[in-house]
Amino acid sequence: MKTLKIQSLDKGWHDRDEILLHVTFQVLVDFIEKEHPDKIIDWSADEMHKQAWKKMRSLYKWWTAIRPTRRSPLDNKRLSIPPLKFKKIPETESYRTIEPNRKKYAAYYTALKEDSLLAQKWYDEDQRNLHRLIEIRGFLWT
């Protein structure tokens, strides 16, 4: 039995859709880096092989060099983050959050909105590339 170690995930909990993305790209990375298909397979044999190898190298580069450079505006260390404050609800044991001053923390709320837009853009990009990888899965053998 072979064990697949997912290098791109930190320890801790991850949703299954995220694991699925990372495991499939780990298979690609292992294939390229450990099986060295460029030395074993004649990728110029026909147009299908040429296109598969081109797509494989493109996906590998995206996963290993481009995708890891993603940065959220919330990663900015100089961004002032509003404190989380609570107020007791009278005559109950419950508390409610106190809305921070949006003017004082305008940069944070702008970054939060940008982060949300980027998260959707990145999800869509991940989804497209996952589909591209699945399309060439039949070429992942040596």
C-alpha atoms as a PDB file:
ATOM      1  CA  MET A   1       0.000   0.000   0.000  1.00  0.00           C
ATOM      2  CA  LYS A   2       1.270   3.457  -0.903  1.00  0.00           C
ATOM      3  CA  THR A   3       0.893   6.456   1.394  1.00  0.00           C
ATOM      4  CA  LEU A   4       0.229   9.871  -0.083  1.00  0.00           C
ATOM      5  CA  LYS A   5       1.548  12.735   2.017  1.00  0.00           C
ATOM      6  CA  ILE A   6      -0.158  16.003   1.153  1.00  0.00           C
ATOM      7  CA  GLN A   7       2.608  18.602   1.380  1.00  0.00           C
ATOM      8  CA  SER A   8       0.429  21.631   0.649  1.00  0.00           C
ATOM      9  CA  LEU A   9      -1.902  21.304   3.660  1.00  0.00           C
ATOM     10  CA  ASP A  10      -1.071  22.441   7.158  1.00  0.00           C
ATOM     11  CA  LYS A  11      -1.934  20.178  10.063  1.00  0.00           C
ATOM     12  CA  GLY A  12      -5.418  20.553  11.411  1.00  0.00           C
ATOM     13  CA  TRP A  13      -8.951  20.353  10.134  1.00  0.00           C
ATOM     14  CA  HIS A  14      -9.710  20.820   6.431  1.00  0.00           C
ATOM     15  CA  ASP A  15     -13.026  20.448   4.661  1.00  0.00           C
ATOM     16  CA  ARG A  16     -13.272  17.512   2.274  1.00  0.00           C
ATOM     17  CA  ASP A  17     -13.536  19.710  -0.829  1.00  0.00           C
ATOM     18  CA  GLU A  18     -10.208  21.309   0.085  1.00  0.00           C
ATOM     19  CA  ILE A  19      -8.615  17.910   0.736  1.00  0.00           C
ATOM     20  CA  LEU A  20      -9.844  16.669  -2.650  1.00  0.00           C
ATOM     21  CA  LEU A  21      -8.172  19.603  -4.416  1.00  0.00           C
ATOM     22  CA  HIS A  22      -4.882  19.168  -2.558  1.00  0.00           C
ATOM     23  CA  VAL A  23      -4.722  15.395  -2.897  1.00  0.00           C
ATOM     24  CA  THR A  24      -5.220  15.487  -6.665  1.00  0.00           C
ATOM     25  CA  PHE A  25      -2.501  18.069  -7.123  1.00  0.00           C
ATOM     26  CA  GLN A  26      -0.201  16.144  -4.778  1.00  0.00           C
ATOM     27  CA  VAL A  27      -0.617  13.190  -7.142  1.00  0.00           C
ATOM     28  CA  LEU A  28       0.482  15.444 -10.014  1.00  0.00           C
ATOM     29  CA  VAL A  29       3.456  16.803  -8.047  1.00  0.00           C
ATOM     30  CA  ASP A  30       4.576  13.295  -7.060  1.00  0.00           C
ATOM     31  CA  PHE A  31       4.175  12.109 -10.633  1.00  0.00           C
ATOM     32  CA  ILE A  32       6.348  14.930 -12.003  1.00  0.00           C
ATOM     33  CA  GLU A  33       8.945  14.972  -9.216  1.00  0.00           C
ATOM     34  CA  LYS A  34       9.232  11.274  -8.319  1.00  0.00           C
ATOM     35  CA  GLU A  35       8.391   9.373 -11.493  1.00  0.00           C
ATOM     36  CA  HIS A  36      10.113  11.788 -13.926  1.00  0.00           C
ATOM     37  CA  PRO A  37       7.750  11.138 -16.846  1.00  0.00           C
ATOM     38  CA  ASP A  38       9.740  13.528 -19.027  1.00  0.00           C
ATOM     39  CA  LYS A  39      12.551  10.935 -19.075  1.00  0.00           C
ATOM     40  CA  ILE A  40      10.351   7.878 -19.604  1.00  0.00           C
ATOM     41  CA  ILE A  41       7.503   8.908 -21.906  1.00  0.00           C
ATOM     42  CA  ASP A  42       7.763  10.272 -25.434  1.00  0.00           C
ATOM     43  CA  TRP A  43       5.437  13.245 -25.038  1.00  0.00           C
ATOM     44  CA  SER A  44       5.919  14.153 -28.708  1.00  0.00           C
ATOM     45  CA  ALA A  45       4.497  10.790 -29.864  1.00  0.00           C
ATOM     46  CA  ASP A  46       1.206  12.337 -30.996  1.00  0.00           C
ATOM     47  CA  GLU A  47      -0.902  15.437 -30.540  1.00  0.00           C
ATOM     48  CA  MET A  48      -2.768  14.006 -27.525  1.00  0.00           C
ATOM     49  CA  HIS A  49       0.502  13.377 -25.689  1.00  0.00           C
ATOM     50  CA  LYS A  50       1.856  16.802 -26.631  1.00  0.00           C
ATOM     51  CA  GLN A  51      -1.259  18.534 -25.313  1.00  0.00           C
ATOM     52  CA  ALA A  52      -1.384  16.414 -22.150  1.00  0.00           C
ATOM     53  CA  TRP A  53       2.274  17.153 -21.334  1.00  0.00           C
ATOM     54  CA  LYS A  54       1.767  20.854 -22.019  1.00  0.00           C
ATOM     55  CA  LYS A  55      -1.271  20.915 -19.722  1.00  0.00           C
ATOM     56  CA  MET A  56       0.541  18.846 -17.085  1.00  0.00           C
ATOM     57  CA  ARG A  57       3.513  21.233 -16.962  1.00  0.00           C
ATOM     58  CA  SER A  58       1.186  24.232 -16.880  1.00  0.00           C
ATOM     59  CA  LEU A  59      -0.816  22.778 -13.966  1.00  0.00           C
ATOM     60  CA  TYR A  60       2.348  21.793 -12.121  1.00  0.00           C
ATOM     61  CA  LYS A  61       3.748  25.322 -12.466  1.00  0.00           C
ATOM     62  CA  TRP A  62       0.448  26.859 -11.363  1.00  0.00           C
ATOM     63  CA  TRP A  63       0.220  24.598  -8.298  1.00  0.00           C
ATOM     64  CA  THR A  64       3.861  24.836  -7.186  1.00  0.00           C
ATOM     65  CA  ALA A  65       4.880  28.363  -8.201  1.00  0.00           C
ATOM     66  CA  ILE A  66       1.863  30.560  -8.912  1.00  0.00           C
ATOM     67  CA  ARG A  67      -0.880  29.484  -6.513  1.00  0.00           C
ATOM     68  CA  PRO A  68       1.335  29.642  -3.393  1.00  0.00           C
ATOM     69  CA  THR A  69       1.931  33.370  -3.991  1.00  0.00           C
ATOM     70  CA  ARG A  70      -1.713  34.212  -3.322  1.00  0.00           C
ATOM     71  CA  ARG A  71      -2.033  36.853  -0.634  1.00  0.00           C
ATOM     72  CA  SER A  72      -5.170  38.148   0.976  1.00  0.00           C
ATOM     73  CA  PRO A  73      -5.449  41.841   1.858  1.00  0.00           C
ATOM     74  CA  LEU A  74      -6.168  40.555   5.380  1.00  0.00           C
ATOM     75  CA  ASP A  75      -2.580  39.218   5.534  1.00  0.00           C
ATOM     76  CA  ASN A  76      -1.305  42.803   5.773  1.00  0.00           C
ATOM     77  CA  LYS A  77       0.422  42.964   9.169  1.00  0.00           C
ATOM     78  CA  ARG A  78      -0.142  46.731   9.352  1.00  0.00           C
ATOM     79  CA  LEU A  79      -3.906  46.346   8.984  1.00  0.00           C
ATOM     80  CA  SER A  80      -5.698  47.514  12.124  1.00  0.00           C
ATOM     81  CA  ILE A  81      -8.209  44.827  13.099  1.00  0.00           C
ATOM     82  CA  PRO A  82     -11.172  45.862  15.229  1.00  0.00           C
ATOM     83  CA  PRO A  83     -11.369  44.249  18.652  1.00  0.00           C
ATOM     84  CA  LEU A  84     -14.150  41.787  19.320  1.00  0.00           C
ATOM     85  CA  LYS A  85     -16.300  43.288  22.072  1.00  0.00           C
ATOM     86  CA  PHE A  86     -19.461  42.027  23.712  1.00  0.00           C
ATOM     87  CA  LYS A  87     -22.311  43.605  25.637  1.00  0.00           C
ATOM     88  CA  LYS A  88     -24.523  41.742  28.055  1.00  0.00           C
ATOM     89  CA  ILE A  89     -28.152  41.544  27.048  1.00  0.00           C
ATOM     90  CA  PRO A  90     -30.164  42.781  30.039  1.00  0.00           C
ATOM     91  CA  GLU A  91     -32.133  40.235  32.035  1.00  0.00           C
ATOM     92  CA  THR A  92     -30.476  37.301  30.237  1.00  0.00           C
ATOM     93  CA  GLU A  93     -27.289  35.289  30.472  1.00  0.00           C
ATOM     94  CA  SER A  94     -26.489  36.107  26.843  1.00  0.00           C
ATOM     95  CA  TYR A  95     -24.186  38.591  25.167  1.00  0.00           C
ATOM     96  CA  ARG A  96     -24.223  40.282  21.784  1.00  0.00           C
ATOM     97  CA  THR A  97     -21.331  41.602  19.780  1.00  0.00           C
ATOM     98  CA  ILE A  98     -20.753  45.318  19.629  1.00  0.00           C
ATOM     99  CA  GLU A  99     -20.357  46.577  16.077  1.00  0.00           C
ATOM    100  CA  PRO A 100     -16.950  48.260  15.699  1.00  0.00           C
ATOM    101  CA  ASN A 101     -16.636  51.790  14.372  1.00  0.00           C
ATOM    102  CA  ARG A 102     -16.665  51.260  10.596  1.00  0.00           C
ATOM    103  CA  LYS A 103     -15.042  54.640   9.918  1.00  0.00           C
ATOM    104  CA  LYS A 104     -12.192  53.976  12.316  1.00  0.00           C
ATOM    105  CA  TYR A 105     -11.626  50.528  10.786  1.00  0.00           C
ATOM    106  CA  ALA A 106     -12.498  51.444   7.184  1.00  0.00           C
ATOM    107  CA  ALA A 107      -9.294  49.865   5.829  1.00  0.00           C
ATOM    108  CA  TYR A 108     -10.145  46.584   7.552  1.00  0.00           C
ATOM    109  CA  TYR A 109     -13.658  46.481   6.122  1.00  0.00           C
ATOM    110  CA  THR A 110     -12.318  47.308   2.660  1.00  0.00           C
ATOM    111  CA  ALA A 111      -9.772  44.486   3.002  1.00  0.00           C
ATOM    112  CA  LEU A 112     -12.523  42.147   4.209  1.00  0.00           C
ATOM    113  CA  LYS A 113     -14.613  42.892   1.125  1.00  0.00           C
ATOM    114  CA  GLU A 114     -11.590  42.459  -1.187  1.00  0.00           C
ATOM    115  CA  ASP A 115     -10.749  39.179   0.546  1.00  0.00           C
ATOM    116  CA  SER A 116     -14.255  37.879  -0.080  1.00  0.00           C
ATOM    117  CA  LEU A 117     -14.026  38.732  -3.791  1.00  0.00           C
ATOM    118  CA  LEU A 118     -10.563  37.157  -4.057  1.00  0.00           C
ATOM    119  CA  ALA A 119     -11.730  34.025  -2.254  1.00  0.00           C
ATOM    120  CA  GLN A 120     -14.423  33.500  -4.897  1.00  0.00           C
ATOM    121  CA  LYS A 121     -11.992  34.247  -7.731  1.00  0.00           C
ATOM    122  CA  TRP A 122      -9.465  31.780  -6.287  1.00  0.00           C
ATOM    123  CA  TYR A 123     -12.126  29.117  -5.750  1.00  0.00           C
ATOM    124  CA  ASP A 124     -13.176  29.433  -9.387  1.00  0.00           C
ATOM    125  CA  GLU A 125      -9.538  29.219 -10.511  1.00  0.00           C
ATOM    126  CA  ASP A 126      -8.974  26.136  -8.351  1.00  0.00           C
ATOM    127  CA  GLN A 127     -12.108  24.550  -9.792  1.00  0.00           C
ATOM    128  CA  ARG A 128     -11.062  25.214 -13.409  1.00  0.00           C
ATOM    129  CA  ASN A 129      -7.604  23.767 -12.821  1.00  0.00           C
ATOM    130  CA  LEU A 130      -8.962  20.749 -10.987  1.00  0.00           C
ATOM    131  CA  HIS A 131     -11.126  20.046 -14.043  1.00  0.00           C
ATOM    132  CA  ARG A 132      -8.090  20.458 -16.310  1.00  0.00           C
ATOM    133  CA  LEU A 133      -6.168  17.937 -14.208  1.00  0.00           C
ATOM    134  CA  ILE A 134      -9.024  15.429 -14.280  1.00  0.00           C
ATOM    135  CA  GLU A 135      -9.116  15.730 -18.077  1.00  0.00           C
ATOM    136  CA  ILE A 136      -5.531  14.389 -18.307  1.00  0.00           C
ATOM    137  CA  ARG A 137      -5.642  11.818 -15.541  1.00  0.00           C
ATOM    138  CA  GLY A 138      -5.262   9.029 -18.086  1.00  0.00           C
ATOM    139  CA  PHE A 139      -1.741  10.277 -18.822  1.00  0.00           C
ATOM    140  CA  LEU A 140      -0.563  10.041 -15.195  1.00  0.00           C
ATOM    141  CA  TRP A 141       1.230   6.731 -15.459  1.00  0.00           C
ATOM    142  CA  THR A 142       4.749   5.537 -16.234  1.00  0.00           C
END
